[in-house]
Amino acid sequence: MFNEMKPKSKAEVEKELEMDMNIKLCDMGNACYVEQHYSDVIQTREYRSPEVILEGDYDESADIWSLACLVFELVTGDYLFDPKKGKTFKKNDDHLALVSELIGEPQGDELLWLKENCEAWGDFFEPANRNGTKYKLKRIKSLKMWPIYRVLQ
C-alpha cells in the first residue's frame, strides 16, 4: 500500500529551515591536479565535458560542467545527458550530439579552441561549409534542437 505524498505545510518547511544542516557532495574517484593529468577520462559518462570526450586539454572548468550536470539531476531526477550507442554511432557521438542539441554546435572562439586543443576533434566532426567556419558531427546527421529553457519546462 502506498502513502499519499502531500506538499509540506509552511510550518514544516520553516522547521526544516531552522535545522542545522551541513550537506557536502564529493567524489574524488578521478581527481587529479590541473598540471598533472594521469588519465584522459576523468568524469563519469553522464557528467563528461566535451573537451574530455574529444581528448583535449582540460582544467577545472570540466568540474564546473560536471557540477552543472549533477545539479540538473538533483533538481529534476533525470540525467541532463544520457548517451546511448546506436547502429552507426558510439556513445561519444551521441553524447556530443546531445550537447549540441542543448547548447548548439560549436562556433566562433569555442570552435577554434576545440579544433586546436582536442586530439579527437577530427574523429567526430567534419566541415559543414567550404571555408571551415562551421562543423557538423560525422555520424549523427540530424539534430533535434532542445534548448535548456525548453528542457527545464
N, C-alpha and C. Protein backbone atom coordinates (compact mmCIF):
# COMPACT_ATOMS: atom_id res chain seq x y z
N MET A 1 0.84 -1.17 0.00
CA MET A 1 0.00 0.00 0.00
C MET A 1 0.89 1.24 0.00
N PHE A 2 0.48 2.26 -0.76
CA PHE A 2 1.25 3.49 -0.89
C PHE A 2 0.65 4.60 -0.05
N ASN A 3 1.51 5.41 0.52
CA ASN A 3 1.06 6.60 1.23
C ASN A 3 0.98 7.76 0.25
N GLU A 4 -0.04 8.56 0.39
CA GLU A 4 -0.19 9.72 -0.48
C GLU A 4 0.84 10.77 -0.09
N MET A 5 1.53 11.30 -1.08
CA MET A 5 2.51 12.35 -0.81
C MET A 5 1.83 13.70 -0.94
N LYS A 6 2.03 14.55 0.04
CA LYS A 6 1.42 15.88 0.03
C LYS A 6 2.52 16.91 0.25
N PRO A 7 2.33 18.11 -0.30
CA PRO A 7 3.31 19.18 -0.05
C PRO A 7 3.38 19.48 1.44
N LYS A 8 4.57 19.89 1.89
CA LYS A 8 4.73 20.23 3.30
C LYS A 8 4.06 21.56 3.59
N SER A 9 3.60 21.69 4.82
CA SER A 9 2.98 22.95 5.24
C SER A 9 4.09 23.99 5.45
N LYS A 10 3.69 25.24 5.52
CA LYS A 10 4.64 26.32 5.75
C LYS A 10 5.38 26.11 7.07
N ALA A 11 4.68 25.66 8.08
CA ALA A 11 5.29 25.42 9.39
C ALA A 11 6.35 24.31 9.31
N GLU A 12 6.05 23.25 8.55
CA GLU A 12 7.02 22.15 8.39
C GLU A 12 8.27 22.62 7.66
N VAL A 13 8.07 23.43 6.64
CA VAL A 13 9.21 23.96 5.87
C VAL A 13 10.06 24.86 6.76
N GLU A 14 9.41 25.75 7.52
CA GLU A 14 10.14 26.65 8.41
C GLU A 14 10.92 25.87 9.47
N LYS A 15 10.35 24.79 9.98
CA LYS A 15 11.03 23.96 10.98
C LYS A 15 12.30 23.35 10.37
N GLU A 16 12.20 22.88 9.13
CA GLU A 16 13.38 22.30 8.47
C GLU A 16 14.43 23.36 8.19
N LEU A 17 14.02 24.57 7.85
CA LEU A 17 14.97 25.65 7.59
C LEU A 17 15.76 26.03 8.84
N GLU A 18 15.16 25.83 10.00
CA GLU A 18 15.82 26.15 11.26
C GLU A 18 16.82 25.07 11.69
N MET A 19 16.73 23.90 11.07
CA MET A 19 17.63 22.80 11.43
C MET A 19 19.06 23.14 11.01
N ASP A 20 20.00 22.69 11.79
CA ASP A 20 21.41 22.90 11.47
C ASP A 20 21.86 21.78 10.54
N MET A 21 21.92 22.07 9.25
CA MET A 21 22.29 21.06 8.26
C MET A 21 23.61 21.43 7.61
N ASN A 22 24.34 20.42 7.28
CA ASN A 22 25.59 20.61 6.56
C ASN A 22 25.65 19.53 5.49
N ILE A 23 25.52 19.91 4.24
CA ILE A 23 25.48 18.95 3.13
C ILE A 23 26.75 19.11 2.32
N LYS A 24 27.38 18.00 2.02
CA LYS A 24 28.58 18.02 1.20
C LYS A 24 28.45 16.97 0.10
N LEU A 25 28.81 17.35 -1.11
CA LEU A 25 28.86 16.41 -2.22
C LEU A 25 30.32 16.26 -2.61
N CYS A 26 30.77 15.04 -2.72
CA CYS A 26 32.17 14.85 -3.04
C CYS A 26 32.38 13.51 -3.74
N ASP A 27 33.14 13.56 -4.81
CA ASP A 27 33.54 12.33 -5.50
C ASP A 27 34.95 12.57 -6.00
N MET A 28 35.90 12.02 -5.32
CA MET A 28 37.30 12.22 -5.69
C MET A 28 37.85 11.03 -6.48
N GLY A 29 36.99 10.21 -7.01
CA GLY A 29 37.41 9.00 -7.70
C GLY A 29 38.35 9.22 -8.86
N ASN A 30 38.16 10.30 -9.61
CA ASN A 30 39.02 10.60 -10.75
C ASN A 30 39.77 11.90 -10.56
N ALA A 31 39.97 12.31 -9.32
CA ALA A 31 40.62 13.58 -9.05
C ALA A 31 42.08 13.57 -9.50
N CYS A 32 42.51 14.71 -10.01
CA CYS A 32 43.91 14.88 -10.38
C CYS A 32 44.24 16.36 -10.31
N TYR A 33 45.52 16.67 -10.32
CA TYR A 33 45.95 18.06 -10.36
C TYR A 33 45.79 18.60 -11.77
N VAL A 34 45.49 19.89 -11.87
CA VAL A 34 45.32 20.51 -13.19
C VAL A 34 46.59 20.35 -14.01
N GLU A 35 47.75 20.48 -13.37
CA GLU A 35 49.03 20.40 -14.09
C GLU A 35 49.51 18.96 -14.31
N GLN A 36 48.87 17.99 -13.68
CA GLN A 36 49.35 16.62 -13.74
C GLN A 36 48.20 15.67 -14.03
N HIS A 37 47.92 15.48 -15.30
CA HIS A 37 46.83 14.58 -15.71
C HIS A 37 47.35 13.15 -15.76
N TYR A 38 46.65 12.24 -15.13
CA TYR A 38 47.06 10.84 -15.18
C TYR A 38 46.14 10.02 -16.07
N SER A 39 45.04 10.62 -16.52
CA SER A 39 44.08 9.89 -17.32
C SER A 39 43.38 10.84 -18.28
N ASP A 40 42.99 10.34 -19.44
CA ASP A 40 42.24 11.15 -20.39
C ASP A 40 40.75 11.15 -20.07
N VAL A 41 40.28 10.15 -19.34
CA VAL A 41 38.87 10.06 -18.98
C VAL A 41 38.78 10.36 -17.48
N ILE A 42 38.22 11.52 -17.17
CA ILE A 42 38.23 11.97 -15.77
C ILE A 42 36.85 12.07 -15.15
N GLN A 43 35.82 11.83 -15.93
CA GLN A 43 34.48 12.06 -15.41
C GLN A 43 33.57 10.88 -15.70
N THR A 44 32.56 10.72 -14.86
CA THR A 44 31.50 9.75 -15.11
C THR A 44 30.84 10.11 -16.43
N ARG A 45 30.46 9.13 -17.19
CA ARG A 45 29.91 9.33 -18.55
C ARG A 45 28.88 10.46 -18.62
N GLU A 46 27.87 10.43 -17.76
CA GLU A 46 26.77 11.38 -17.85
C GLU A 46 27.19 12.82 -17.54
N TYR A 47 28.32 12.99 -16.85
CA TYR A 47 28.79 14.32 -16.45
C TYR A 47 30.02 14.75 -17.26
N ARG A 48 30.38 13.99 -18.26
CA ARG A 48 31.62 14.24 -19.01
C ARG A 48 31.52 15.46 -19.91
N SER A 49 32.52 16.30 -19.86
CA SER A 49 32.54 17.54 -20.64
C SER A 49 33.02 17.28 -22.06
N PRO A 50 32.63 18.14 -23.01
CA PRO A 50 33.01 17.93 -24.42
C PRO A 50 34.52 17.83 -24.63
N GLU A 51 35.31 18.67 -23.94
CA GLU A 51 36.75 18.63 -24.15
C GLU A 51 37.36 17.30 -23.69
N VAL A 52 36.75 16.66 -22.71
CA VAL A 52 37.23 15.35 -22.26
C VAL A 52 36.85 14.28 -23.28
N ILE A 53 35.62 14.34 -23.79
CA ILE A 53 35.18 13.39 -24.82
C ILE A 53 36.09 13.50 -26.04
N LEU A 54 36.48 14.73 -26.38
CA LEU A 54 37.29 14.98 -27.57
C LEU A 54 38.79 14.85 -27.31
N GLU A 55 39.15 14.31 -26.14
CA GLU A 55 40.55 14.07 -25.76
C GLU A 55 41.38 15.34 -25.83
N GLY A 56 40.82 16.40 -25.26
CA GLY A 56 41.51 17.68 -25.29
C GLY A 56 42.08 18.06 -23.94
N ASP A 57 42.68 19.24 -23.93
CA ASP A 57 43.20 19.79 -22.68
C ASP A 57 42.01 20.11 -21.78
N TYR A 58 42.12 19.75 -20.53
CA TYR A 58 41.06 20.06 -19.59
C TYR A 58 41.63 20.69 -18.34
N ASP A 59 40.78 21.41 -17.65
CA ASP A 59 41.16 22.04 -16.39
C ASP A 59 39.95 22.01 -15.46
N GLU A 60 39.94 22.89 -14.48
CA GLU A 60 38.85 22.88 -13.50
C GLU A 60 37.50 23.22 -14.12
N SER A 61 37.46 23.80 -15.32
CA SER A 61 36.17 24.08 -15.95
C SER A 61 35.41 22.78 -16.26
N ALA A 62 36.12 21.68 -16.43
CA ALA A 62 35.45 20.39 -16.62
C ALA A 62 34.67 20.00 -15.35
N ASP A 63 35.17 20.41 -14.20
CA ASP A 63 34.46 20.15 -12.94
C ASP A 63 33.19 20.98 -12.85
N ILE A 64 33.24 22.20 -13.36
CA ILE A 64 32.05 23.06 -13.36
C ILE A 64 30.98 22.43 -14.25
N TRP A 65 31.41 21.88 -15.40
CA TRP A 65 30.47 21.19 -16.30
C TRP A 65 29.80 20.03 -15.55
N SER A 66 30.61 19.22 -14.88
CA SER A 66 30.06 18.08 -14.13
C SER A 66 29.11 18.54 -13.04
N LEU A 67 29.47 19.61 -12.35
CA LEU A 67 28.61 20.13 -11.29
C LEU A 67 27.26 20.57 -11.86
N ALA A 68 27.27 21.25 -13.00
CA ALA A 68 26.01 21.69 -13.62
C ALA A 68 25.15 20.49 -13.98
N CYS A 69 25.76 19.44 -14.53
CA CYS A 69 25.01 18.22 -14.87
C CYS A 69 24.43 17.58 -13.62
N LEU A 70 25.20 17.57 -12.54
CA LEU A 70 24.75 16.99 -11.28
C LEU A 70 23.61 17.80 -10.68
N VAL A 71 23.71 19.12 -10.70
CA VAL A 71 22.65 19.97 -10.17
C VAL A 71 21.36 19.73 -10.95
N PHE A 72 21.46 19.63 -12.29
CA PHE A 72 20.28 19.34 -13.09
C PHE A 72 19.64 18.04 -12.64
N GLU A 73 20.46 17.02 -12.41
CA GLU A 73 19.95 15.72 -11.97
C GLU A 73 19.30 15.80 -10.59
N LEU A 74 19.92 16.54 -9.69
CA LEU A 74 19.34 16.68 -8.35
C LEU A 74 18.00 17.40 -8.38
N VAL A 75 17.86 18.38 -9.26
CA VAL A 75 16.62 19.16 -9.35
C VAL A 75 15.52 18.39 -10.07
N THR A 76 15.87 17.68 -11.13
CA THR A 76 14.85 17.04 -11.98
C THR A 76 14.70 15.54 -11.77
N GLY A 77 15.74 14.90 -11.26
CA GLY A 77 15.71 13.45 -11.13
C GLY A 77 16.13 12.73 -12.39
N ASP A 78 16.51 13.47 -13.43
CA ASP A 78 16.94 12.89 -14.71
C ASP A 78 18.35 13.35 -15.04
N TYR A 79 19.06 12.52 -15.81
CA TYR A 79 20.35 12.95 -16.34
C TYR A 79 20.13 14.05 -17.37
N LEU A 80 21.02 15.03 -17.41
CA LEU A 80 20.98 16.02 -18.47
C LEU A 80 21.42 15.39 -19.78
N PHE A 81 22.45 14.54 -19.70
CA PHE A 81 22.94 13.80 -20.86
C PHE A 81 23.02 12.32 -20.50
N ASP A 82 22.33 11.50 -21.25
CA ASP A 82 22.35 10.05 -21.04
C ASP A 82 22.55 9.39 -22.40
N PRO A 83 23.79 9.43 -22.92
CA PRO A 83 24.04 8.94 -24.28
C PRO A 83 23.88 7.44 -24.43
N LYS A 84 23.46 7.07 -25.62
CA LYS A 84 23.27 5.65 -25.97
C LYS A 84 24.06 5.33 -27.22
N LYS A 85 24.43 4.08 -27.36
CA LYS A 85 25.09 3.59 -28.56
C LYS A 85 24.02 3.29 -29.60
N GLY A 86 24.30 3.61 -30.86
CA GLY A 86 23.37 3.31 -31.95
C GLY A 86 23.99 2.32 -32.92
N LYS A 87 23.27 2.04 -33.99
CA LYS A 87 23.79 1.11 -35.01
C LYS A 87 24.98 1.68 -35.77
N THR A 88 24.96 3.00 -35.99
CA THR A 88 26.02 3.62 -36.80
C THR A 88 26.88 4.60 -36.02
N PHE A 89 26.69 4.66 -34.70
CA PHE A 89 27.47 5.60 -33.90
C PHE A 89 27.70 5.05 -32.50
N LYS A 90 28.71 5.60 -31.82
CA LYS A 90 29.06 5.18 -30.46
C LYS A 90 28.50 6.17 -29.44
N LYS A 91 28.67 5.84 -28.17
CA LYS A 91 28.16 6.69 -27.10
C LYS A 91 28.76 8.10 -27.16
N ASN A 92 30.04 8.20 -27.48
CA ASN A 92 30.66 9.53 -27.55
C ASN A 92 30.02 10.39 -28.63
N ASP A 93 29.67 9.77 -29.77
CA ASP A 93 28.98 10.51 -30.83
C ASP A 93 27.64 11.04 -30.32
N ASP A 94 26.87 10.17 -29.66
CA ASP A 94 25.57 10.57 -29.15
C ASP A 94 25.72 11.63 -28.06
N HIS A 95 26.73 11.49 -27.22
CA HIS A 95 26.95 12.47 -26.16
C HIS A 95 27.19 13.86 -26.76
N LEU A 96 28.05 13.94 -27.77
CA LEU A 96 28.32 15.22 -28.42
C LEU A 96 27.08 15.76 -29.13
N ALA A 97 26.27 14.86 -29.68
CA ALA A 97 25.01 15.28 -30.33
C ALA A 97 24.05 15.84 -29.28
N LEU A 98 23.94 15.19 -28.13
CA LEU A 98 23.06 15.68 -27.07
C LEU A 98 23.49 17.06 -26.59
N VAL A 99 24.79 17.25 -26.44
CA VAL A 99 25.31 18.56 -26.04
C VAL A 99 24.97 19.60 -27.10
N SER A 100 25.20 19.26 -28.36
CA SER A 100 24.92 20.19 -29.47
C SER A 100 23.43 20.53 -29.54
N GLU A 101 22.59 19.55 -29.29
CA GLU A 101 21.14 19.81 -29.31
C GLU A 101 20.72 20.77 -28.20
N LEU A 102 21.43 20.71 -27.09
CA LEU A 102 21.08 21.54 -25.95
C LEU A 102 21.65 22.95 -26.05
N ILE A 103 22.93 23.06 -26.38
CA ILE A 103 23.57 24.38 -26.36
C ILE A 103 24.02 24.86 -27.73
N GLY A 104 23.75 24.08 -28.75
CA GLY A 104 24.15 24.46 -30.11
C GLY A 104 25.49 23.86 -30.48
N GLU A 105 25.74 23.82 -31.78
CA GLU A 105 27.01 23.27 -32.25
C GLU A 105 28.12 24.28 -31.99
N PRO A 106 29.36 23.80 -31.81
CA PRO A 106 30.46 24.71 -31.51
C PRO A 106 30.64 25.73 -32.64
N GLN A 107 30.92 26.97 -32.24
CA GLN A 107 31.15 28.02 -33.22
C GLN A 107 32.06 29.09 -32.63
N GLY A 108 32.59 29.94 -33.47
CA GLY A 108 33.41 31.06 -33.02
C GLY A 108 34.66 30.61 -32.28
N ASP A 109 34.96 31.31 -31.18
CA ASP A 109 36.16 31.02 -30.38
C ASP A 109 36.14 29.62 -29.80
N GLU A 110 34.96 29.17 -29.40
CA GLU A 110 34.82 27.82 -28.85
C GLU A 110 35.23 26.78 -29.90
N LEU A 111 34.77 26.97 -31.12
CA LEU A 111 35.10 26.07 -32.22
C LEU A 111 36.61 26.05 -32.45
N LEU A 112 37.22 27.22 -32.50
CA LEU A 112 38.68 27.30 -32.71
C LEU A 112 39.43 26.60 -31.60
N TRP A 113 39.01 26.82 -30.34
CA TRP A 113 39.70 26.20 -29.22
C TRP A 113 39.60 24.68 -29.30
N LEU A 114 38.40 24.16 -29.56
CA LEU A 114 38.22 22.71 -29.65
C LEU A 114 39.06 22.12 -30.78
N LYS A 115 39.08 22.77 -31.94
CA LYS A 115 39.87 22.27 -33.08
C LYS A 115 41.36 22.24 -32.76
N GLU A 116 41.84 23.27 -32.07
CA GLU A 116 43.26 23.39 -31.78
C GLU A 116 43.73 22.55 -30.59
N ASN A 117 42.83 22.23 -29.67
CA ASN A 117 43.24 21.61 -28.41
C ASN A 117 42.73 20.20 -28.18
N CYS A 118 41.95 19.67 -29.09
CA CYS A 118 41.36 18.34 -28.87
C CYS A 118 41.83 17.36 -29.94
N GLU A 119 42.57 16.36 -29.51
CA GLU A 119 43.16 15.38 -30.43
C GLU A 119 42.11 14.64 -31.26
N ALA A 120 40.96 14.35 -30.67
CA ALA A 120 39.96 13.53 -31.36
C ALA A 120 38.92 14.37 -32.12
N TRP A 121 39.14 15.67 -32.23
CA TRP A 121 38.20 16.56 -32.93
C TRP A 121 37.81 16.00 -34.29
N GLY A 122 38.80 15.67 -35.10
CA GLY A 122 38.56 15.18 -36.46
C GLY A 122 37.88 13.82 -36.52
N ASP A 123 37.90 13.08 -35.42
CA ASP A 123 37.22 11.78 -35.38
C ASP A 123 35.70 11.95 -35.31
N PHE A 124 35.25 13.10 -34.83
CA PHE A 124 33.82 13.32 -34.59
C PHE A 124 33.18 14.38 -35.46
N PHE A 125 33.97 15.38 -35.91
CA PHE A 125 33.42 16.50 -36.66
C PHE A 125 34.03 16.60 -38.04
N GLU A 126 33.24 17.14 -38.97
CA GLU A 126 33.70 17.39 -40.33
C GLU A 126 33.19 18.77 -40.75
N PRO A 127 33.87 19.41 -41.70
CA PRO A 127 33.43 20.74 -42.13
C PRO A 127 32.01 20.70 -42.70
N ALA A 128 31.23 21.73 -42.37
CA ALA A 128 29.87 21.84 -42.89
C ALA A 128 29.80 22.87 -44.01
N ASN A 129 30.90 23.61 -44.21
CA ASN A 129 30.97 24.56 -45.32
C ASN A 129 32.40 24.58 -45.88
N ARG A 130 32.58 25.25 -46.99
CA ARG A 130 33.89 25.21 -47.68
C ARG A 130 35.00 25.93 -46.95
N ASN A 131 34.67 27.01 -46.25
CA ASN A 131 35.73 27.77 -45.59
C ASN A 131 36.06 27.28 -44.18
N GLY A 132 35.41 26.22 -43.72
CA GLY A 132 35.74 25.62 -42.43
C GLY A 132 35.34 26.43 -41.22
N THR A 133 34.35 27.29 -41.37
CA THR A 133 33.88 28.08 -40.23
C THR A 133 32.72 27.41 -39.51
N LYS A 134 32.14 26.38 -40.11
CA LYS A 134 31.08 25.60 -39.47
C LYS A 134 31.43 24.13 -39.58
N TYR A 135 31.11 23.39 -38.53
CA TYR A 135 31.37 21.96 -38.50
C TYR A 135 30.11 21.23 -38.07
N LYS A 136 30.02 19.96 -38.48
CA LYS A 136 28.89 19.12 -38.09
C LYS A 136 29.42 17.76 -37.66
N LEU A 137 28.62 17.04 -36.93
CA LEU A 137 29.00 15.70 -36.50
C LEU A 137 29.08 14.77 -37.71
N LYS A 138 30.04 13.87 -37.69
CA LYS A 138 30.23 12.95 -38.82
C LYS A 138 29.17 11.87 -38.89
N ARG A 139 28.83 11.26 -37.76
CA ARG A 139 27.99 10.06 -37.77
C ARG A 139 26.53 10.31 -37.37
N ILE A 140 26.24 11.47 -36.83
CA ILE A 140 24.85 11.80 -36.48
C ILE A 140 24.49 13.06 -37.26
N LYS A 141 23.68 12.88 -38.27
CA LYS A 141 23.40 13.97 -39.21
C LYS A 141 22.23 14.85 -38.79
N SER A 142 21.26 14.28 -38.11
CA SER A 142 20.05 15.02 -37.80
C SER A 142 19.99 15.33 -36.30
N LEU A 143 20.07 16.61 -35.97
CA LEU A 143 19.96 17.03 -34.57
C LEU A 143 18.56 17.59 -34.33
N LYS A 144 18.05 17.33 -33.15
CA LYS A 144 16.75 17.88 -32.74
C LYS A 144 17.03 18.88 -31.63
N MET A 145 17.11 20.15 -32.00
CA MET A 145 17.47 21.18 -31.05
C MET A 145 16.47 21.20 -29.89
N TRP A 146 17.01 21.26 -28.68
CA TRP A 146 16.22 21.23 -27.46
C TRP A 146 16.88 22.15 -26.46
N PRO A 147 16.68 23.46 -26.61
CA PRO A 147 17.37 24.43 -25.75
C PRO A 147 17.03 24.24 -24.28
N ILE A 148 17.95 24.66 -23.43
CA ILE A 148 17.84 24.42 -21.99
C ILE A 148 16.55 24.98 -21.40
N TYR A 149 16.07 26.12 -21.87
CA TYR A 149 14.83 26.66 -21.30
C TYR A 149 13.65 25.73 -21.58
N ARG A 150 13.65 25.02 -22.72
CA ARG A 150 12.57 24.08 -23.00
C ARG A 150 12.75 22.79 -22.18
N VAL A 151 13.99 22.39 -21.98
CA VAL A 151 14.26 21.20 -21.16
C VAL A 151 13.73 21.42 -19.75
N LEU A 152 13.92 22.61 -19.22
CA LEU A 152 13.50 22.91 -17.86
C LEU A 152 12.00 23.11 -17.72
N GLN A 153 11.31 23.32 -18.83
CA GLN A 153 9.86 23.45 -18.76
C GLN A 153 9.26 22.07 -18.68
